[in-house]
């Protein structure tokens, strides 16, 4: 018998041009703490100025924290929260990919609860203190790969102990999530591929984990189908807006898989790898061992159960599908040259 709880309290604005609605919709505060990565991509693309302008039209002031690092560390979160407190910000904004989003989430917890962010973490050195609310969080996603747009998790690293784990609480579900595929046209090919791998394995792992639910299965199978159809196209042509939109939807569904099921050991190992090598994109950090791990599952459970691939496309063999993905490692210039259907 099925026994589960379903709770994903996010308002999602999805579709091309949806970013512009920030100028008119009710926002959860009057002064935003906008988090972006230190590489300044959000400035260079003009997305940061655009968001600030839209907020201003809506009567909302902004302050920018532009020091988010890959695999955001607890020290960066604390610096972000300190800035937000000193500027009297009343909500946080994650503008960009997962690093910015998770930093905004974690800062929202610290600004509301006080203390150190690691007080609210588990792992070896965390205290797992109760999270009594968080400031409202707005997510403006510019990538398709992390799923944090619709999850109750923020992945943070403690550099001193090489821990990279989730801050998990229903309080860190975003209040508003904006997914505008037009913001992803400039994502480089390599990152498109890496991020797509993250989407794929979130859904595959959620489908085969031992706490899957009817909802997570439904989301996972549709997400996998969308990745198989649209990731090669988005990789080959970043301006293919149908493909970008398809990957945006696949990513949101994969995030819902995370929220209603779980990842497996492959993702945990990938997090450890990313902690030791923070400069490596998250999708790249676990794609190596995830393929090996999932092939092990394939060998021991039968190809027909590997992530439900044959259930979606009868002509696809689970093992061949994974081997095709593995070619990404051998030919980074064109990982999808032979497609998924082998």
C-alpha atoms as a PDB file:
ATOM      1  CA  UNK A   1       0.000   0.000   0.000  1.00  0.00           C
ATOM      2  CA  UNK A   2       1.104   3.555  -0.664  1.00  0.00           C
ATOM      3  CA  UNK A   3       1.855   5.793   2.310  1.00  0.00           C
ATOM      4  CA  UNK A   4       3.356   9.225   1.662  1.00  0.00           C
ATOM      5  CA  UNK A   5       3.091  12.961   2.298  1.00  0.00           C
ATOM      6  CA  UNK A   6       3.081  15.481  -0.551  1.00  0.00           C
ATOM      7  CA  UNK A   7       4.051  19.114   0.094  1.00  0.00           C
ATOM      8  CA  UNK A   8       5.673  21.453  -2.453  1.00  0.00           C
ATOM      9  CA  UNK A   9       4.465  24.989  -1.599  1.00  0.00           C
ATOM     10  CA  UNK A  10       6.159  26.924  -4.423  1.00  0.00           C
ATOM     11  CA  UNK A  11       4.577  29.447  -6.753  1.00  0.00           C
ATOM     12  CA  UNK A  12       6.185  28.724 -10.130  1.00  0.00           C
ATOM     13  CA  UNK A  13       6.248  31.241 -12.969  1.00  0.00           C
ATOM     14  CA  UNK A  14       7.217  29.132 -15.988  1.00  0.00           C
ATOM     15  CA  UNK A  15       7.722  30.156 -19.596  1.00  0.00           C
ATOM     16  CA  UNK A  16       9.471  32.560 -21.928  1.00  0.00           C
ATOM     17  CA  UNK A  17       9.085  36.144 -20.770  1.00  0.00           C
ATOM     18  CA  UNK A  18       7.933  35.217 -17.276  1.00  0.00           C
ATOM     19  CA  UNK A  19      10.785  37.173 -15.691  1.00  0.00           C
ATOM     20  CA  UNK A  20       9.002  40.395 -16.622  1.00  0.00           C
ATOM     21  CA  UNK A  21       6.148  39.563 -14.249  1.00  0.00           C
ATOM     22  CA  UNK A  22       8.420  40.451 -11.320  1.00  0.00           C
ATOM     23  CA  UNK A  23       7.554  44.078 -12.038  1.00  0.00           C
ATOM     24  CA  UNK A  24       3.904  43.553 -11.109  1.00  0.00           C
ATOM     25  CA  UNK A  25       3.270  40.441  -8.995  1.00  0.00           C
ATOM     26  CA  UNK A  26       3.135  40.668  -5.185  1.00  0.00           C
ATOM     27  CA  UNK A  27       6.630  40.136  -3.818  1.00  0.00           C
ATOM     28  CA  UNK A  28       7.334  38.862  -0.283  1.00  0.00           C
ATOM     29  CA  UNK A  29       9.203  41.941   0.945  1.00  0.00           C
ATOM     30  CA  UNK A  30      10.461  45.445   0.279  1.00  0.00           C
ATOM     31  CA  UNK A  31      14.235  44.934   0.183  1.00  0.00           C
ATOM     32  CA  UNK A  32      15.878  42.005  -1.580  1.00  0.00           C
ATOM     33  CA  UNK A  33      19.258  40.424  -0.892  1.00  0.00           C
ATOM     34  CA  UNK A  34      20.229  39.206  -4.376  1.00  0.00           C
ATOM     35  CA  UNK A  35      22.852  36.439  -4.439  1.00  0.00           C
ATOM     36  CA  UNK A  36      25.015  35.924  -7.541  1.00  0.00           C
ATOM     37  CA  UNK A  37      28.259  34.107  -8.256  1.00  0.00           C
ATOM     38  CA  UNK A  38      31.646  35.784  -8.038  1.00  0.00           C
ATOM     39  CA  UNK A  39      32.331  35.200 -11.747  1.00  0.00           C
ATOM     40  CA  UNK A  40      29.940  38.100 -12.419  1.00  0.00           C
ATOM     41  CA  UNK A  41      28.117  36.257 -15.216  1.00  0.00           C
ATOM     42  CA  UNK A  42      24.807  37.734 -14.054  1.00  0.00           C
ATOM     43  CA  UNK A  43      26.266  41.220 -14.456  1.00  0.00           C
ATOM     44  CA  UNK A  44      27.848  40.489 -17.832  1.00  0.00           C
ATOM     45  CA  UNK A  45      24.630  39.075 -19.282  1.00  0.00           C
ATOM     46  CA  UNK A  46      22.610  42.013 -17.975  1.00  0.00           C
ATOM     47  CA  UNK A  47      20.318  39.730 -15.972  1.00  0.00           C
ATOM     48  CA  UNK A  48      21.225  41.349 -12.649  1.00  0.00           C
ATOM     49  CA  UNK A  49      20.445  44.877 -13.836  1.00  0.00           C
ATOM     50  CA  UNK A  50      17.228  43.626 -15.364  1.00  0.00           C
ATOM     51  CA  UNK A  51      16.075  42.025 -12.105  1.00  0.00           C
ATOM     52  CA  UNK A  52      16.991  45.116 -10.085  1.00  0.00           C
ATOM     53  CA  UNK A  53      15.010  47.266 -12.533  1.00  0.00           C
ATOM     54  CA  UNK A  54      11.963  44.983 -12.366  1.00  0.00           C
ATOM     55  CA  UNK A  55      12.065  45.034  -8.571  1.00  0.00           C
ATOM     56  CA  UNK A  56      12.353  48.821  -8.601  1.00  0.00           C
ATOM     57  CA  UNK A  57       9.257  49.046 -10.791  1.00  0.00           C
ATOM     58  CA  UNK A  58       7.509  46.966  -8.130  1.00  0.00           C
ATOM     59  CA  UNK A  59       8.606  49.267  -5.295  1.00  0.00           C
ATOM     60  CA  UNK A  60      11.322  46.915  -4.041  1.00  0.00           C
ATOM     61  CA  UNK A  61      14.918  47.926  -3.263  1.00  0.00           C
ATOM     62  CA  UNK A  62      17.873  45.575  -3.713  1.00  0.00           C
ATOM     63  CA  UNK A  63      21.341  44.907  -2.362  1.00  0.00           C
ATOM     64  CA  UNK A  64      23.712  42.477  -4.116  1.00  0.00           C
ATOM     65  CA  UNK A  65      25.955  39.790  -2.628  1.00  0.00           C
ATOM     66  CA  UNK A  66      28.308  38.886  -5.477  1.00  0.00           C
ATOM     67  CA  UNK A  67      30.730  36.507  -3.779  1.00  0.00           C
ATOM     68  CA  UNK A  68      28.995  33.132  -4.179  1.00  0.00           C
ATOM     69  CA  UNK A  69      31.608  30.457  -4.912  1.00  0.00           C
ATOM     70  CA  UNK A  70      31.292  27.004  -6.534  1.00  0.00           C
ATOM     71  CA  UNK A  71      30.061  24.511  -3.941  1.00  0.00           C
ATOM     72  CA  UNK A  72      29.120  27.399  -1.649  1.00  0.00           C
ATOM     73  CA  UNK A  73      30.868  27.260   1.698  1.00  0.00           C
ATOM     74  CA  UNK A  74      29.433  27.983   5.112  1.00  0.00           C
ATOM     75  CA  UNK A  75      31.731  30.998   5.489  1.00  0.00           C
ATOM     76  CA  UNK A  76      30.278  32.555   2.351  1.00  0.00           C
ATOM     77  CA  UNK A  77      26.743  31.967   3.595  1.00  0.00           C
ATOM     78  CA  UNK A  78      27.562  33.729   6.851  1.00  0.00           C
ATOM     79  CA  UNK A  79      29.066  36.686   4.996  1.00  0.00           C
ATOM     80  CA  UNK A  80      25.945  36.863   2.845  1.00  0.00           C
ATOM     81  CA  UNK A  81      23.650  36.750   5.890  1.00  0.00           C
ATOM     82  CA  UNK A  82      25.685  39.448   7.639  1.00  0.00           C
ATOM     83  CA  UNK A  83      25.284  41.732   4.624  1.00  0.00           C
ATOM     84  CA  UNK A  84      21.558  41.066   4.504  1.00  0.00           C
ATOM     85  CA  UNK A  85      21.119  41.867   8.184  1.00  0.00           C
ATOM     86  CA  UNK A  86      23.180  45.066   7.996  1.00  0.00           C
ATOM     87  CA  UNK A  87      21.082  46.263   5.048  1.00  0.00           C
ATOM     88  CA  UNK A  88      17.757  45.266   6.665  1.00  0.00           C
ATOM     89  CA  UNK A  89      16.792  42.962   3.806  1.00  0.00           C
ATOM     90  CA  UNK A  90      13.519  41.129   4.332  1.00  0.00           C
ATOM     91  CA  UNK A  91      13.790  38.451   1.640  1.00  0.00           C
ATOM     92  CA  UNK A  92      16.545  36.727  -0.335  1.00  0.00           C
ATOM     93  CA  UNK A  93      16.907  36.084  -4.059  1.00  0.00           C
ATOM     94  CA  UNK A  94      18.931  33.350  -5.721  1.00  0.00           C
ATOM     95  CA  UNK A  95      19.743  34.586  -9.233  1.00  0.00           C
ATOM     96  CA  UNK A  96      21.606  32.051 -11.356  1.00  0.00           C
ATOM     97  CA  UNK A  97      22.200  28.339 -10.831  1.00  0.00           C
ATOM     98  CA  UNK A  98      22.259  26.076  -7.827  1.00  0.00           C
ATOM     99  CA  UNK A  99      25.174  27.761  -6.064  1.00  0.00           C
ATOM    100  CA  UNK A 100      23.380  31.114  -5.901  1.00  0.00           C
ATOM    101  CA  UNK A 101      20.031  29.531  -5.100  1.00  0.00           C
ATOM    102  CA  UNK A 102      21.373  27.417  -2.228  1.00  0.00           C
ATOM    103  CA  UNK A 103      23.308  30.369  -0.816  1.00  0.00           C
ATOM    104  CA  UNK A 104      20.127  32.467  -0.812  1.00  0.00           C
ATOM    105  CA  UNK A 105      18.229  29.661   0.906  1.00  0.00           C
ATOM    106  CA  UNK A 106      20.832  29.115   3.614  1.00  0.00           C
ATOM    107  CA  UNK A 107      21.235  32.858   4.235  1.00  0.00           C
ATOM    108  CA  UNK A 108      17.456  33.139   4.645  1.00  0.00           C
ATOM    109  CA  UNK A 109      17.623  30.561   7.445  1.00  0.00           C
ATOM    110  CA  UNK A 110      20.497  32.272   9.256  1.00  0.00           C
ATOM    111  CA  UNK A 111      18.955  35.751   8.952  1.00  0.00           C
ATOM    112  CA  UNK A 112      15.748  34.465  10.526  1.00  0.00           C
ATOM    113  CA  UNK A 113      17.164  32.119  13.167  1.00  0.00           C
ATOM    114  CA  UNK A 114      20.570  33.542  14.025  1.00  0.00           C
ATOM    115  CA  UNK A 115      23.640  31.500  14.882  1.00  0.00           C
ATOM    116  CA  UNK A 116      25.893  29.795  12.351  1.00  0.00           C
ATOM    117  CA  UNK A 117      24.569  28.051   9.258  1.00  0.00           C
ATOM    118  CA  UNK A 118      26.271  24.828  10.346  1.00  0.00           C
ATOM    119  CA  UNK A 119      24.101  24.794  13.451  1.00  0.00           C
ATOM    120  CA  UNK A 120      21.267  23.696  11.158  1.00  0.00           C
ATOM    121  CA  UNK A 121      23.227  21.021   9.308  1.00  0.00           C
ATOM    122  CA  UNK A 122      23.754  17.367  10.118  1.00  0.00           C
ATOM    123  CA  UNK A 123      26.761  15.395   8.982  1.00  0.00           C
ATOM    124  CA  UNK A 124      29.741  14.900  11.253  1.00  0.00           C
ATOM    125  CA  UNK A 125      29.974  18.324  12.855  1.00  0.00           C
ATOM    126  CA  UNK A 126      26.502  19.833  12.507  1.00  0.00           C
ATOM    127  CA  UNK A 127      24.047  20.281  15.353  1.00  0.00           C
ATOM    128  CA  UNK A 128      20.752  19.758  13.474  1.00  0.00           C
ATOM    129  CA  UNK A 129      19.210  22.676  15.346  1.00  0.00           C
ATOM    130  CA  UNK A 130      15.539  23.283  14.666  1.00  0.00           C
ATOM    131  CA  UNK A 131      14.838  25.710  11.810  1.00  0.00           C
ATOM    132  CA  UNK A 132      12.129  28.037  13.072  1.00  0.00           C
ATOM    133  CA  UNK A 133      11.148  29.651   9.820  1.00  0.00           C
ATOM    134  CA  UNK A 134      13.212  31.499   7.211  1.00  0.00           C
ATOM    135  CA  UNK A 135      12.983  34.743   5.317  1.00  0.00           C
ATOM    136  CA  UNK A 136      10.989  34.400   2.078  1.00  0.00           C
ATOM    137  CA  UNK A 137      13.085  33.133  -0.829  1.00  0.00           C
ATOM    138  CA  UNK A 138      12.698  34.069  -4.489  1.00  0.00           C
ATOM    139  CA  UNK A 139      14.488  31.954  -7.086  1.00  0.00           C
ATOM    140  CA  UNK A 140      15.308  33.173 -10.591  1.00  0.00           C
ATOM    141  CA  UNK A 141      16.865  30.225 -12.371  1.00  0.00           C
ATOM    142  CA  UNK A 142      19.283  30.609 -15.273  1.00  0.00           C
ATOM    143  CA  UNK A 143      20.289  26.936 -15.566  1.00  0.00           C
ATOM    144  CA  UNK A 144      18.650  23.526 -15.866  1.00  0.00           C
ATOM    145  CA  UNK A 145      20.502  21.198 -13.575  1.00  0.00           C
ATOM    146  CA  UNK A 146      20.091  21.491  -9.832  1.00  0.00           C
ATOM    147  CA  UNK A 147      16.360  21.224  -9.120  1.00  0.00           C
ATOM    148  CA  UNK A 148      16.742  23.479  -6.069  1.00  0.00           C
ATOM    149  CA  UNK A 149      14.084  25.758  -7.540  1.00  0.00           C
ATOM    150  CA  UNK A 150      11.405  23.526  -5.966  1.00  0.00           C
ATOM    151  CA  UNK A 151      13.118  21.650  -3.141  1.00  0.00           C
ATOM    152  CA  UNK A 152      13.393  22.061   0.655  1.00  0.00           C
ATOM    153  CA  UNK A 153      17.183  21.675   0.496  1.00  0.00           C
ATOM    154  CA  UNK A 154      20.277  23.865   0.292  1.00  0.00           C
ATOM    155  CA  UNK A 155      23.594  22.108  -0.318  1.00  0.00           C
ATOM    156  CA  UNK A 156      26.408  23.792   1.607  1.00  0.00           C
ATOM    157  CA  UNK A 157      30.078  22.874   2.102  1.00  0.00           C
ATOM    158  CA  UNK A 158      32.182  23.090   5.248  1.00  0.00           C
ATOM    159  CA  UNK A 159      35.673  23.429   3.859  1.00  0.00           C
ATOM    160  CA  UNK A 160      37.476  22.704   7.105  1.00  0.00           C
ATOM    161  CA  UNK A 161      36.020  19.188   7.378  1.00  0.00           C
ATOM    162  CA  UNK A 162      35.264  18.506   3.682  1.00  0.00           C
ATOM    163  CA  UNK A 163      31.567  18.044   4.404  1.00  0.00           C
ATOM    164  CA  UNK A 164      29.036  18.813   1.663  1.00  0.00           C
ATOM    165  CA  UNK A 165      25.496  18.122   2.806  1.00  0.00           C
ATOM    166  CA  UNK A 166      21.938  19.389   2.724  1.00  0.00           C
ATOM    167  CA  UNK A 167      20.329  21.943   4.956  1.00  0.00           C
ATOM    168  CA  UNK A 168      16.880  20.381   4.833  1.00  0.00           C
ATOM    169  CA  UNK A 169      13.721  22.091   6.035  1.00  0.00           C
ATOM    170  CA  UNK A 170      10.276  22.845   4.656  1.00  0.00           C
ATOM    171  CA  UNK A 171      11.083  26.463   5.491  1.00  0.00           C
ATOM    172  CA  UNK A 172      13.564  26.688   2.606  1.00  0.00           C
ATOM    173  CA  UNK A 173      11.067  25.924  -0.125  1.00  0.00           C
ATOM    174  CA  UNK A 174      11.153  29.014  -2.355  1.00  0.00           C
ATOM    175  CA  UNK A 175       8.167  31.311  -2.071  1.00  0.00           C
ATOM    176  CA  UNK A 176       8.377  32.218  -5.763  1.00  0.00           C
ATOM    177  CA  UNK A 177      10.355  30.467  -8.496  1.00  0.00           C
ATOM    178  CA  UNK A 178      10.828  32.041 -11.918  1.00  0.00           C
ATOM    179  CA  UNK A 179      11.836  29.675 -14.714  1.00  0.00           C
ATOM    180  CA  UNK A 180      12.253  31.684 -17.918  1.00  0.00           C
ATOM    181  CA  UNK A 181      13.957  29.642 -20.677  1.00  0.00           C
ATOM    182  CA  UNK A 182      15.087  32.850 -22.376  1.00  0.00           C
ATOM    183  CA  UNK A 183      17.617  33.288 -19.572  1.00  0.00           C
ATOM    184  CA  UNK A 184      19.356  30.058 -20.599  1.00  0.00           C
ATOM    185  CA  UNK A 185      20.191  30.821 -24.224  1.00  0.00           C
ATOM    186  CA  UNK A 186      23.746  31.839 -23.289  1.00  0.00           C
ATOM    187  CA  UNK A 187      24.613  28.800 -21.150  1.00  0.00           C
ATOM    188  CA  UNK A 188      27.778  27.249 -22.681  1.00  0.00           C
ATOM    189  CA  UNK A 189      27.515  23.847 -24.353  1.00  0.00           C
ATOM    190  CA  UNK A 190      29.678  22.100 -21.762  1.00  0.00           C
ATOM    191  CA  UNK A 191      27.576  23.379 -18.851  1.00  0.00           C
ATOM    192  CA  UNK A 192      24.387  22.523 -20.724  1.00  0.00           C
ATOM    193  CA  UNK A 193      25.624  18.932 -20.891  1.00  0.00           C
ATOM    194  CA  UNK A 194      26.831  18.793 -17.272  1.00  0.00           C
ATOM    195  CA  UNK A 195      23.622  20.304 -15.942  1.00  0.00           C
ATOM    196  CA  UNK A 196      21.554  17.957 -18.064  1.00  0.00           C
ATOM    197  CA  UNK A 197      23.357  15.029 -16.472  1.00  0.00           C
ATOM    198  CA  UNK A 198      22.346  16.346 -13.065  1.00  0.00           C
ATOM    199  CA  UNK A 199      18.711  16.474 -14.145  1.00  0.00           C
ATOM    200  CA  UNK A 200      18.909  12.962 -15.556  1.00  0.00           C
ATOM    201  CA  UNK A 201      20.462  11.368 -12.511  1.00  0.00           C
ATOM    202  CA  UNK A 202      18.185  13.173 -10.064  1.00  0.00           C
ATOM    203  CA  UNK A 203      15.264  11.562 -11.844  1.00  0.00           C
ATOM    204  CA  UNK A 204      16.876   8.165 -12.389  1.00  0.00           C
ATOM    205  CA  UNK A 205      17.956   7.897  -8.765  1.00  0.00           C
ATOM    206  CA  UNK A 206      14.567   9.057  -7.522  1.00  0.00           C
ATOM    207  CA  UNK A 207      12.884   6.375  -9.602  1.00  0.00           C
ATOM    208  CA  UNK A 208      14.992   3.484  -8.282  1.00  0.00           C
ATOM    209  CA  UNK A 209      15.343   4.663  -4.648  1.00  0.00           C
ATOM    210  CA  UNK A 210      13.555   2.706  -1.929  1.00  0.00           C
ATOM    211  CA  UNK A 211      11.353   5.617  -0.848  1.00  0.00           C
ATOM    212  CA  UNK A 212       9.836   6.469  -4.232  1.00  0.00           C
ATOM    213  CA  UNK A 213       6.172   7.468  -4.328  1.00  0.00           C
ATOM    214  CA  UNK A 214       3.561   7.467  -7.092  1.00  0.00           C
ATOM    215  CA  UNK A 215       4.144  11.202  -7.495  1.00  0.00           C
ATOM    216  CA  UNK A 216       7.924  10.916  -7.704  1.00  0.00           C
ATOM    217  CA  UNK A 217       7.651   8.060 -10.218  1.00  0.00           C
ATOM    218  CA  UNK A 218       5.354  10.141 -12.398  1.00  0.00           C
ATOM    219  CA  UNK A 219       7.689  13.143 -12.281  1.00  0.00           C
ATOM    220  CA  UNK A 220      10.815  11.028 -12.787  1.00  0.00           C
ATOM    221  CA  UNK A 221       9.587   9.205 -15.882  1.00  0.00           C
ATOM    222  CA  UNK A 222       8.436  12.403 -17.556  1.00  0.00           C
ATOM    223  CA  UNK A 223      11.679  14.169 -16.671  1.00  0.00           C
ATOM    224  CA  UNK A 224      13.782  11.348 -18.136  1.00  0.00           C
ATOM    225  CA  UNK A 225      11.693  11.412 -21.296  1.00  0.00           C
ATOM    226  CA  UNK A 226      12.213  15.162 -21.664  1.00  0.00           C
ATOM    227  CA  UNK A 227      15.978  14.874 -21.120  1.00  0.00           C
ATOM    228  CA  UNK A 228      16.271  12.150 -23.744  1.00  0.00           C
ATOM    229  CA  UNK A 229      14.351  14.290 -26.221  1.00  0.00           C
ATOM    230  CA  UNK A 230      15.699  17.761 -25.560  1.00  0.00           C
ATOM    231  CA  UNK A 231      19.182  17.629 -24.014  1.00  0.00           C
ATOM    232  CA  UNK A 232      20.981  16.710 -27.266  1.00  0.00           C
ATOM    233  CA  UNK A 233      19.138  19.518 -29.033  1.00  0.00           C
ATOM    234  CA  UNK A 234      19.875  22.103 -26.337  1.00  0.00           C
ATOM    235  CA  UNK A 235      23.517  21.047 -26.421  1.00  0.00           C
ATOM    236  CA  UNK A 236      23.791  21.353 -30.188  1.00  0.00           C
ATOM    237  CA  UNK A 237      21.925  24.669 -30.406  1.00  0.00           C
ATOM    238  CA  UNK A 238      21.612  26.830 -27.308  1.00  0.00           C
ATOM    239  CA  UNK A 239      19.141  29.057 -29.148  1.00  0.00           C
ATOM    240  CA  UNK A 240      16.677  26.198 -29.675  1.00  0.00           C
ATOM    241  CA  UNK A 241      14.024  27.568 -27.348  1.00  0.00           C
ATOM    242  CA  UNK A 242      11.789  24.517 -27.553  1.00  0.00           C
ATOM    243  CA  UNK A 243      14.704  22.418 -26.332  1.00  0.00           C
ATOM    244  CA  UNK A 244      15.619  24.921 -23.626  1.00  0.00           C
ATOM    245  CA  UNK A 245      12.023  24.968 -22.435  1.00  0.00           C
ATOM    246  CA  UNK A 246      11.947  21.168 -22.437  1.00  0.00           C
ATOM    247  CA  UNK A 247      15.054  21.022 -20.266  1.00  0.00           C
ATOM    248  CA  UNK A 248      13.655  23.679 -17.922  1.00  0.00           C
ATOM    249  CA  UNK A 249      10.581  21.531 -17.398  1.00  0.00           C
ATOM    250  CA  UNK A 250      12.692  18.380 -16.990  1.00  0.00           C
ATOM    251  CA  UNK A 251      14.704  20.157 -14.293  1.00  0.00           C
ATOM    252  CA  UNK A 252      11.631  21.333 -12.375  1.00  0.00           C
ATOM    253  CA  UNK A 253      10.193  17.823 -12.473  1.00  0.00           C
ATOM    254  CA  UNK A 254      13.523  16.393 -11.289  1.00  0.00           C
ATOM    255  CA  UNK A 255      13.433  18.830  -8.365  1.00  0.00           C
ATOM    256  CA  UNK A 256       9.963  17.576  -7.527  1.00  0.00           C
ATOM    257  CA  UNK A 257      11.384  14.049  -7.585  1.00  0.00           C
ATOM    258  CA  UNK A 258      13.940  15.143  -4.972  1.00  0.00           C
ATOM    259  CA  UNK A 259      11.155  16.671  -2.887  1.00  0.00           C
ATOM    260  CA  UNK A 260       8.966  13.560  -2.962  1.00  0.00           C
ATOM    261  CA  UNK A 261      11.603  10.784  -2.995  1.00  0.00           C
ATOM    262  CA  UNK A 262      15.404  10.875  -2.647  1.00  0.00           C
ATOM    263  CA  UNK A 263      18.719  10.497  -4.391  1.00  0.00           C
ATOM    264  CA  UNK A 264      20.836   7.358  -4.056  1.00  0.00           C
ATOM    265  CA  UNK A 265      24.440   6.714  -3.075  1.00  0.00           C
ATOM    266  CA  UNK A 266      25.726   7.922  -6.452  1.00  0.00           C
ATOM    267  CA  UNK A 267      24.753  11.478  -5.576  1.00  0.00           C
ATOM    268  CA  UNK A 268      26.285  11.248  -2.120  1.00  0.00           C
ATOM    269  CA  UNK A 269      29.581  10.127  -3.640  1.00  0.00           C
ATOM    270  CA  UNK A 270      29.328  12.942  -6.177  1.00  0.00           C
ATOM    271  CA  UNK A 271      28.926  15.472  -3.383  1.00  0.00           C
ATOM    272  CA  UNK A 272      32.056  14.134  -1.711  1.00  0.00           C
ATOM    273  CA  UNK A 273      33.958  14.384  -4.973  1.00  0.00           C
ATOM    274  CA  UNK A 274      32.768  17.967  -5.412  1.00  0.00           C
ATOM    275  CA  UNK A 275      33.935  18.866  -1.913  1.00  0.00           C
ATOM    276  CA  UNK A 276      37.458  17.709  -2.677  1.00  0.00           C
ATOM    277  CA  UNK A 277      37.437  19.400  -6.098  1.00  0.00           C
ATOM    278  CA  UNK A 278      35.112  22.437  -5.807  1.00  0.00           C
ATOM    279  CA  UNK A 279      36.084  23.857  -9.193  1.00  0.00           C
ATOM    280  CA  UNK A 280      34.550  20.930 -11.059  1.00  0.00           C
ATOM    281  CA  UNK A 281      30.918  21.437 -12.153  1.00  0.00           C
ATOM    282  CA  UNK A 282      28.496  19.421 -10.047  1.00  0.00           C
ATOM    283  CA  UNK A 283      27.191  17.467 -13.038  1.00  0.00           C
ATOM    284  CA  UNK A 284      30.732  16.483 -13.976  1.00  0.00           C
ATOM    285  CA  UNK A 285      31.676  15.551 -10.420  1.00  0.00           C
ATOM    286  CA  UNK A 286      29.271  12.653 -10.240  1.00  0.00           C
ATOM    287  CA  UNK A 287      28.626  11.665 -13.839  1.00  0.00           C
ATOM    288  CA  UNK A 288      31.765   9.477 -13.771  1.00  0.00           C
ATOM    289  CA  UNK A 289      30.707   7.322 -10.864  1.00  0.00           C
ATOM    290  CA  UNK A 290      26.956   7.609 -11.438  1.00  0.00           C
ATOM    291  CA  UNK A 291      27.185   5.806 -14.744  1.00  0.00           C
ATOM    292  CA  UNK A 292      29.229   3.028 -13.146  1.00  0.00           C
ATOM    293  CA  UNK A 293      26.868   2.843 -10.180  1.00  0.00           C
ATOM    294  CA  UNK A 294      23.739   2.757 -12.302  1.00  0.00           C
ATOM    295  CA  UNK A 295      25.250   0.125 -14.606  1.00  0.00           C
ATOM    296  CA  UNK A 296      25.772  -1.943 -11.459  1.00  0.00           C
ATOM    297  CA  UNK A 297      22.073  -1.529 -10.704  1.00  0.00           C
ATOM    298  CA  UNK A 298      21.311  -2.513 -14.278  1.00  0.00           C
ATOM    299  CA  UNK A 299      23.392  -5.677 -13.930  1.00  0.00           C
ATOM    300  CA  UNK A 300      21.764  -6.706 -10.664  1.00  0.00           C
ATOM    301  CA  UNK A 301      18.135  -5.766 -11.297  1.00  0.00           C
ATOM    302  CA  UNK A 302      17.746  -6.205 -15.027  1.00  0.00           C
ATOM    303  CA  UNK A 303      17.779  -3.635 -17.805  1.00  0.00           C
ATOM    304  CA  UNK A 304      14.027  -3.173 -17.798  1.00  0.00           C
ATOM    305  CA  UNK A 305      14.164  -1.505 -14.394  1.00  0.00           C
ATOM    306  CA  UNK A 306      16.977   0.975 -15.021  1.00  0.00           C
ATOM    307  CA  UNK A 307      15.301   4.331 -14.523  1.00  0.00           C
ATOM    308  CA  UNK A 308      12.266   3.203 -16.461  1.00  0.00           C
ATOM    309  CA  UNK A 309      13.970   3.973 -19.774  1.00  0.00           C
ATOM    310  CA  UNK A 310      12.509   1.005 -21.679  1.00  0.00           C
ATOM    311  CA  UNK A 311       9.094   1.819 -20.224  1.00  0.00           C
ATOM    312  CA  UNK A 312       9.271   5.158 -22.038  1.00  0.00           C
ATOM    313  CA  UNK A 313      11.078   4.121 -25.223  1.00  0.00           C
ATOM    314  CA  UNK A 314      10.777   0.370 -25.894  1.00  0.00           C
ATOM    315  CA  UNK A 315      13.558   0.596 -28.506  1.00  0.00           C
ATOM    316  CA  UNK A 316      16.075   1.808 -25.921  1.00  0.00           C
ATOM    317  CA  UNK A 317      18.061  -0.650 -23.863  1.00  0.00           C
ATOM    318  CA  UNK A 318      18.952   0.600 -20.408  1.00  0.00           C
ATOM    319  CA  UNK A 319      22.602  -0.447 -20.673  1.00  0.00           C
ATOM    320  CA  UNK A 320      23.034   1.090 -24.123  1.00  0.00           C
ATOM    321  CA  UNK A 321      21.447   4.315 -22.916  1.00  0.00           C
ATOM    322  CA  UNK A 322      23.969   4.623 -20.098  1.00  0.00           C
ATOM    323  CA  UNK A 323      26.899   3.699 -22.324  1.00  0.00           C
ATOM    324  CA  UNK A 324      25.862   6.483 -24.685  1.00  0.00           C
ATOM    325  CA  UNK A 325      25.949   8.936 -21.804  1.00  0.00           C
ATOM    326  CA  UNK A 326      29.366   7.594 -20.913  1.00  0.00           C
ATOM    327  CA  UNK A 327      30.652   8.696 -24.305  1.00  0.00           C
ATOM    328  CA  UNK A 328      30.404  12.197 -22.930  1.00  0.00           C
ATOM    329  CA  UNK A 329      33.527  11.409 -20.939  1.00  0.00           C
ATOM    330  CA  UNK A 330      35.372  10.200 -24.012  1.00  0.00           C
ATOM    331  CA  UNK A 331      34.281  12.894 -26.448  1.00  0.00           C
ATOM    332  CA  UNK A 332      33.585  16.122 -24.542  1.00  0.00           C
ATOM    333  CA  UNK A 333      33.415  18.060 -27.809  1.00  0.00           C
ATOM    334  CA  UNK A 334      30.293  16.239 -28.915  1.00  0.00           C
ATOM    335  CA  UNK A 335      28.886  13.861 -26.283  1.00  0.00           C
ATOM    336  CA  UNK A 336      25.554  13.412 -28.028  1.00  0.00           C
ATOM    337  CA  UNK A 337      26.764  12.888 -31.576  1.00  0.00           C
ATOM    338  CA  UNK A 338      25.171   9.435 -31.834  1.00  0.00           C
ATOM    339  CA  UNK A 339      22.034  10.287 -29.892  1.00  0.00           C
ATOM    340  CA  UNK A 340      20.350   8.271 -27.199  1.00  0.00           C
ATOM    341  CA  UNK A 341      18.637   5.621 -29.275  1.00  0.00           C
ATOM    342  CA  UNK A 342      21.173   2.837 -29.789  1.00  0.00           C
END
